[in-house]
């Protein structure tokens, strides 16, 4: 299990990852929209457990790898995917439902999309 355990792991249960769009503070630092904690040093490949995928080809995905940030200030993972236009080659856009109910395209590693299609 990736991240901090919520206590359910001992029963084999993993909570879905909280997925939110990143926001910036007045100093233009990327922060967590849940708690306001700066997340700048966490940019990289992040894992999303049990995503709500809206693209038909990937609706049965148990997890996705995305490019973005995560906030360390929570007992379970909060992932903040980058915008698909701001990532290196090898990433494709996949539409998911964020934890706040909004739909948003996120970058997903190209091999994951190709293997599921």
Protein backbone atom coordinates (compact mmCIF):
# COMPACT_ATOMS: atom_id res chain seq x y z
CA UNK A 1 0.00 0.00 0.00
CA UNK A 2 1.30 3.43 -0.94
CA UNK A 3 1.06 6.35 1.46
CA UNK A 4 -0.07 6.48 5.04
CA UNK A 5 -2.34 3.71 6.29
CA UNK A 6 -5.83 4.66 7.39
CA UNK A 7 -6.07 1.58 9.64
CA UNK A 8 -8.25 -0.25 7.13
CA UNK A 9 -5.19 -1.81 5.47
CA UNK A 10 -5.01 -4.49 8.16
CA UNK A 11 -8.37 -5.71 6.82
CA UNK A 12 -7.26 -5.56 3.19
CA UNK A 13 -9.31 -2.44 2.47
CA UNK A 14 -7.82 0.56 0.70
CA UNK A 15 -9.72 3.82 0.63
CA UNK A 16 -9.94 5.62 -2.72
CA UNK A 17 -7.35 8.33 -3.21
CA UNK A 18 -8.65 11.87 -2.77
CA UNK A 19 -8.03 13.57 -6.13
CA UNK A 20 -8.25 17.35 -6.37
CA UNK A 21 -7.09 20.00 -8.82
CA UNK A 22 -4.01 21.85 -7.51
CA UNK A 23 -4.30 25.51 -6.56
CA UNK A 24 -1.77 28.27 -5.95
CA UNK A 25 -1.40 30.71 -3.09
CA UNK A 26 -0.70 34.48 -3.42
CA UNK A 27 3.06 33.71 -3.69
CA UNK A 28 2.30 31.44 -6.70
CA UNK A 29 3.25 28.26 -4.78
CA UNK A 30 1.27 25.09 -5.47
CA UNK A 31 -0.77 24.19 -2.39
CA UNK A 32 -3.24 21.52 -1.34
CA UNK A 33 -6.85 22.69 -1.77
CA UNK A 34 -7.87 20.53 1.20
CA UNK A 35 -5.57 22.07 3.82
CA UNK A 36 -3.48 24.83 2.21
CA UNK A 37 -0.17 23.01 2.81
CA UNK A 38 2.56 23.71 0.20
CA UNK A 39 3.18 20.63 -1.99
CA UNK A 40 5.97 21.92 -4.26
CA UNK A 41 8.58 19.30 -3.34
CA UNK A 42 6.32 16.34 -4.16
CA UNK A 43 5.96 16.72 -7.95
CA UNK A 44 6.40 13.44 -9.81
CA UNK A 45 4.54 10.23 -10.55
CA UNK A 46 1.60 9.69 -8.20
CA UNK A 47 -0.69 6.69 -7.74
CA UNK A 48 -4.49 7.05 -7.68
CA UNK A 49 -6.24 4.10 -6.02
CA UNK A 50 -9.78 3.24 -7.18
CA UNK A 51 -10.30 6.22 -9.53
CA UNK A 52 -13.67 7.10 -11.05
CA UNK A 53 -12.63 7.05 -14.71
CA UNK A 54 -15.02 8.61 -17.22
CA UNK A 55 -13.22 7.40 -20.38
CA UNK A 56 -15.00 4.26 -21.64
CA UNK A 57 -11.79 2.34 -22.35
CA UNK A 58 -10.52 2.57 -18.77
CA UNK A 59 -13.64 2.40 -16.58
CA UNK A 60 -12.47 -0.81 -14.88
CA UNK A 61 -9.06 0.58 -13.80
CA UNK A 62 -8.23 -0.22 -10.16
CA UNK A 63 -5.46 2.36 -10.14
CA UNK A 64 -3.84 4.94 -12.38
CA UNK A 65 -0.41 6.53 -12.40
CA UNK A 66 -0.56 10.27 -12.92
CA UNK A 67 1.93 13.12 -12.94
CA UNK A 68 1.43 15.76 -10.29
CA UNK A 69 1.73 16.43 -6.56
CA UNK A 70 0.60 14.81 -3.33
CA UNK A 71 -0.04 16.37 0.06
CA UNK A 72 1.66 14.80 3.06
CA UNK A 73 -0.62 16.56 5.55
CA UNK A 74 -3.40 13.93 5.58
CA UNK A 75 -3.85 10.42 7.01
CA UNK A 76 -4.68 9.11 3.51
CA UNK A 77 -3.36 10.22 0.12
CA UNK A 78 -4.46 13.47 -1.50
CA UNK A 79 -3.20 13.61 -5.10
CA UNK A 80 -3.18 16.79 -7.22
CA UNK A 81 -2.65 15.83 -10.89
CA UNK A 82 -0.88 18.26 -13.20
CA UNK A 83 -2.67 19.63 -16.24
CA UNK A 84 -2.12 17.24 -19.18
CA UNK A 85 -0.53 20.04 -21.23
CA UNK A 86 2.27 20.57 -18.69
CA UNK A 87 3.84 17.09 -18.54
CA UNK A 88 6.67 15.41 -20.43
CA UNK A 89 6.21 13.10 -23.41
CA UNK A 90 4.81 9.66 -22.65
CA UNK A 91 1.64 10.87 -20.90
CA UNK A 92 -1.89 10.86 -22.32
CA UNK A 93 -5.08 12.63 -21.15
CA UNK A 94 -7.73 10.59 -19.36
CA UNK A 95 -10.93 12.09 -17.96
CA UNK A 96 -11.76 11.22 -14.36
CA UNK A 97 -14.14 12.47 -11.72
CA UNK A 98 -12.36 14.44 -9.02
CA UNK A 99 -13.30 13.99 -5.37
CA UNK A 100 -15.37 17.19 -5.50
CA UNK A 101 -17.52 15.70 -8.32
CA UNK A 102 -16.04 17.75 -11.18
CA UNK A 103 -14.77 16.05 -14.34
CA UNK A 104 -11.18 16.84 -15.35
CA UNK A 105 -8.58 15.46 -17.72
CA UNK A 106 -5.44 14.25 -16.00
CA UNK A 107 -2.15 12.93 -17.39
CA UNK A 108 -1.81 9.14 -17.27
CA UNK A 109 1.28 7.16 -18.22
CA UNK A 110 0.95 6.09 -21.88
CA UNK A 111 1.78 2.40 -21.21
CA UNK A 112 -1.17 2.17 -18.78
CA UNK A 113 -3.60 3.55 -21.33
CA UNK A 114 -2.23 1.33 -24.11
CA UNK A 115 -2.44 -1.80 -21.93
CA UNK A 116 -6.07 -1.12 -20.98
CA UNK A 117 -7.35 -0.16 -24.43
